[in-house]
Amino acid sequence: MARRKRVRTGTVEWNGNDWRRAWKIVLTRIHGAPAVVMEQMAFNHAVDMLDCGFARGDAFQFQLGMLMMIDCCNEAILRGDCYQWWIE
């Protein structure tokens, strides 16, 4: 009989430099984001996850929000709705 393994999530710990680097990444996506991206429900939910994760010091939740935000941006670009505004 196979045994289930327990996978522990949410145990990511960051120092101050890690938080600064992560915020720099997400702020480049937020600043200058076109309306087609800003109006996406998933994008706004990602911003809430970033805020909550940071307030709680939960780097795992912050990472999930960051990935969700990056996915929203990339999907809009692939659809041809906008260009990579954070590369300028």
C-alpha atoms as a PDB file:
ATOM      1  CA  MET A   1       0.000   0.000   0.000  1.00  0.00           C
ATOM      2  CA  ALA A   2       1.428   3.371  -1.026  1.00  0.00           C
ATOM      3  CA  ARG A   3       1.967   5.941   1.687  1.00  0.00           C
ATOM      4  CA  ARG A   4       1.075   9.538   1.173  1.00  0.00           C
ATOM      5  CA  LYS A   5       3.847  12.035   1.524  1.00  0.00           C
ATOM      6  CA  ARG A   6       3.101  15.308   3.214  1.00  0.00           C
ATOM      7  CA  VAL A   7       4.341  18.278   1.307  1.00  0.00           C
ATOM      8  CA  ARG A   8       4.920  21.355   3.382  1.00  0.00           C
ATOM      9  CA  THR A   9       4.143  24.587   1.577  1.00  0.00           C
ATOM     10  CA  GLY A  10       4.396  28.180   2.582  1.00  0.00           C
ATOM     11  CA  THR A  11       7.734  27.856   4.368  1.00  0.00           C
ATOM     12  CA  VAL A  12       9.694  30.225   2.157  1.00  0.00           C
ATOM     13  CA  GLU A  13      11.694  32.753   4.154  1.00  0.00           C
ATOM     14  CA  TRP A  14      13.098  35.890   2.586  1.00  0.00           C
ATOM     15  CA  ASN A  15      15.491  38.509   3.849  1.00  0.00           C
ATOM     16  CA  GLY A  16      15.207  42.229   3.103  1.00  0.00           C
ATOM     17  CA  ASN A  17      17.078  41.956  -0.203  1.00  0.00           C
ATOM     18  CA  ASP A  18      14.731  39.214  -1.400  1.00  0.00           C
ATOM     19  CA  TRP A  19      11.677  41.385  -0.640  1.00  0.00           C
ATOM     20  CA  ARG A  20      13.205  44.418  -2.390  1.00  0.00           C
ATOM     21  CA  ARG A  21      14.055  42.389  -5.493  1.00  0.00           C
ATOM     22  CA  ALA A  22      10.561  40.867  -5.638  1.00  0.00           C
ATOM     23  CA  TRP A  23       8.883  44.266  -5.219  1.00  0.00           C
ATOM     24  CA  LYS A  24      11.069  45.691  -7.985  1.00  0.00           C
ATOM     25  CA  ILE A  25       9.868  42.943 -10.339  1.00  0.00           C
ATOM     26  CA  VAL A  26       6.164  43.440  -9.619  1.00  0.00           C
ATOM     27  CA  LEU A  27       6.324  47.236  -9.569  1.00  0.00           C
ATOM     28  CA  THR A  28       7.789  47.244 -13.077  1.00  0.00           C
ATOM     29  CA  ARG A  29       4.700  45.292 -14.193  1.00  0.00           C
ATOM     30  CA  ILE A  30       2.249  47.494 -12.275  1.00  0.00           C
ATOM     31  CA  HIS A  31       3.688  50.874 -13.327  1.00  0.00           C
ATOM     32  CA  GLY A  32       2.657  51.648 -16.865  1.00  0.00           C
ATOM     33  CA  ALA A  33       0.422  48.600 -17.231  1.00  0.00           C
ATOM     34  CA  PRO A  34      -2.161  49.187 -19.954  1.00  0.00           C
ATOM     35  CA  ALA A  35      -5.863  49.227 -19.114  1.00  0.00           C
ATOM     36  CA  VAL A  36      -6.396  45.868 -20.829  1.00  0.00           C
ATOM     37  CA  VAL A  37      -4.143  44.297 -18.177  1.00  0.00           C
ATOM     38  CA  MET A  38      -5.191  46.415 -15.183  1.00  0.00           C
ATOM     39  CA  GLU A  39      -8.861  45.558 -15.769  1.00  0.00           C
ATOM     40  CA  GLN A  40      -8.285  41.795 -15.547  1.00  0.00           C
ATOM     41  CA  MET A  41      -9.791  40.279 -12.419  1.00  0.00           C
ATOM     42  CA  ALA A  42      -6.792  37.972 -12.039  1.00  0.00           C
ATOM     43  CA  PHE A  43      -4.390  40.927 -12.173  1.00  0.00           C
ATOM     44  CA  ASN A  44      -6.266  42.720  -9.396  1.00  0.00           C
ATOM     45  CA  HIS A  45      -6.424  39.520  -7.361  1.00  0.00           C
ATOM     46  CA  ALA A  46      -2.654  39.176  -7.812  1.00  0.00           C
ATOM     47  CA  VAL A  47      -2.159  42.690  -6.411  1.00  0.00           C
ATOM     48  CA  ASP A  48      -4.264  41.712  -3.376  1.00  0.00           C
ATOM     49  CA  MET A  49      -2.168  38.559  -2.909  1.00  0.00           C
ATOM     50  CA  LEU A  50       1.038  40.609  -3.084  1.00  0.00           C
ATOM     51  CA  ASP A  51      -0.260  43.067  -0.516  1.00  0.00           C
ATOM     52  CA  CYS A  52      -1.503  40.381   1.854  1.00  0.00           C
ATOM     53  CA  GLY A  53       1.612  38.233   1.459  1.00  0.00           C
ATOM     54  CA  PHE A  54       3.869  41.189   2.188  1.00  0.00           C
ATOM     55  CA  ALA A  55       1.795  42.333   5.179  1.00  0.00           C
ATOM     56  CA  ARG A  56       1.969  38.830   6.684  1.00  0.00           C
ATOM     57  CA  GLY A  57       5.591  38.252   5.729  1.00  0.00           C
ATOM     58  CA  ASP A  58       4.384  35.260   3.694  1.00  0.00           C
ATOM     59  CA  ALA A  59       6.874  34.970   0.842  1.00  0.00           C
ATOM     60  CA  PHE A  60       5.076  31.927  -0.576  1.00  0.00           C
ATOM     61  CA  GLN A  61       1.824  33.853  -1.025  1.00  0.00           C
ATOM     62  CA  PHE A  62       3.769  36.788  -2.447  1.00  0.00           C
ATOM     63  CA  GLN A  63       5.404  34.478  -4.985  1.00  0.00           C
ATOM     64  CA  LEU A  64       2.011  33.129  -6.042  1.00  0.00           C
ATOM     65  CA  GLY A  65       0.736  36.660  -6.561  1.00  0.00           C
ATOM     66  CA  MET A  66       3.853  37.545  -8.512  1.00  0.00           C
ATOM     67  CA  LEU A  67       3.472  34.529 -10.798  1.00  0.00           C
ATOM     68  CA  MET A  68      -0.208  35.289 -11.341  1.00  0.00           C
ATOM     69  CA  MET A  69       0.629  38.875 -12.256  1.00  0.00           C
ATOM     70  CA  ILE A  70       3.374  37.842 -14.673  1.00  0.00           C
ATOM     71  CA  ASP A  71       1.010  35.333 -16.297  1.00  0.00           C
ATOM     72  CA  CYS A  72      -1.646  38.035 -16.791  1.00  0.00           C
ATOM     73  CA  CYS A  73       0.915  40.289 -18.452  1.00  0.00           C
ATOM     74  CA  ASN A  74       2.284  37.542 -20.681  1.00  0.00           C
ATOM     75  CA  GLU A  75      -1.178  36.385 -21.769  1.00  0.00           C
ATOM     76  CA  ALA A  76      -2.165  39.921 -22.784  1.00  0.00           C
ATOM     77  CA  ILE A  77       1.033  40.208 -24.831  1.00  0.00           C
ATOM     78  CA  LEU A  78       0.522  36.836 -26.517  1.00  0.00           C
ATOM     79  CA  ARG A  79      -3.039  37.852 -27.458  1.00  0.00           C
ATOM     80  CA  GLY A  80      -1.584  40.966 -29.070  1.00  0.00           C
ATOM     81  CA  ASP A  81      -3.429  43.325 -26.724  1.00  0.00           C
ATOM     82  CA  CYS A  82      -0.255  45.176 -25.703  1.00  0.00           C
ATOM     83  CA  TYR A  83       3.540  45.109 -25.709  1.00  0.00           C
ATOM     84  CA  GLN A  84       6.136  44.552 -22.968  1.00  0.00           C
ATOM     85  CA  TRP A  85       5.892  47.953 -21.265  1.00  0.00           C
ATOM     86  CA  TRP A  86       8.361  47.063 -18.501  1.00  0.00           C
ATOM     87  CA  ILE A  87      11.324  46.561 -20.886  1.00  0.00           C
ATOM     88  CA  GLU A  88      11.582  50.150 -22.114  1.00  0.00           C
END
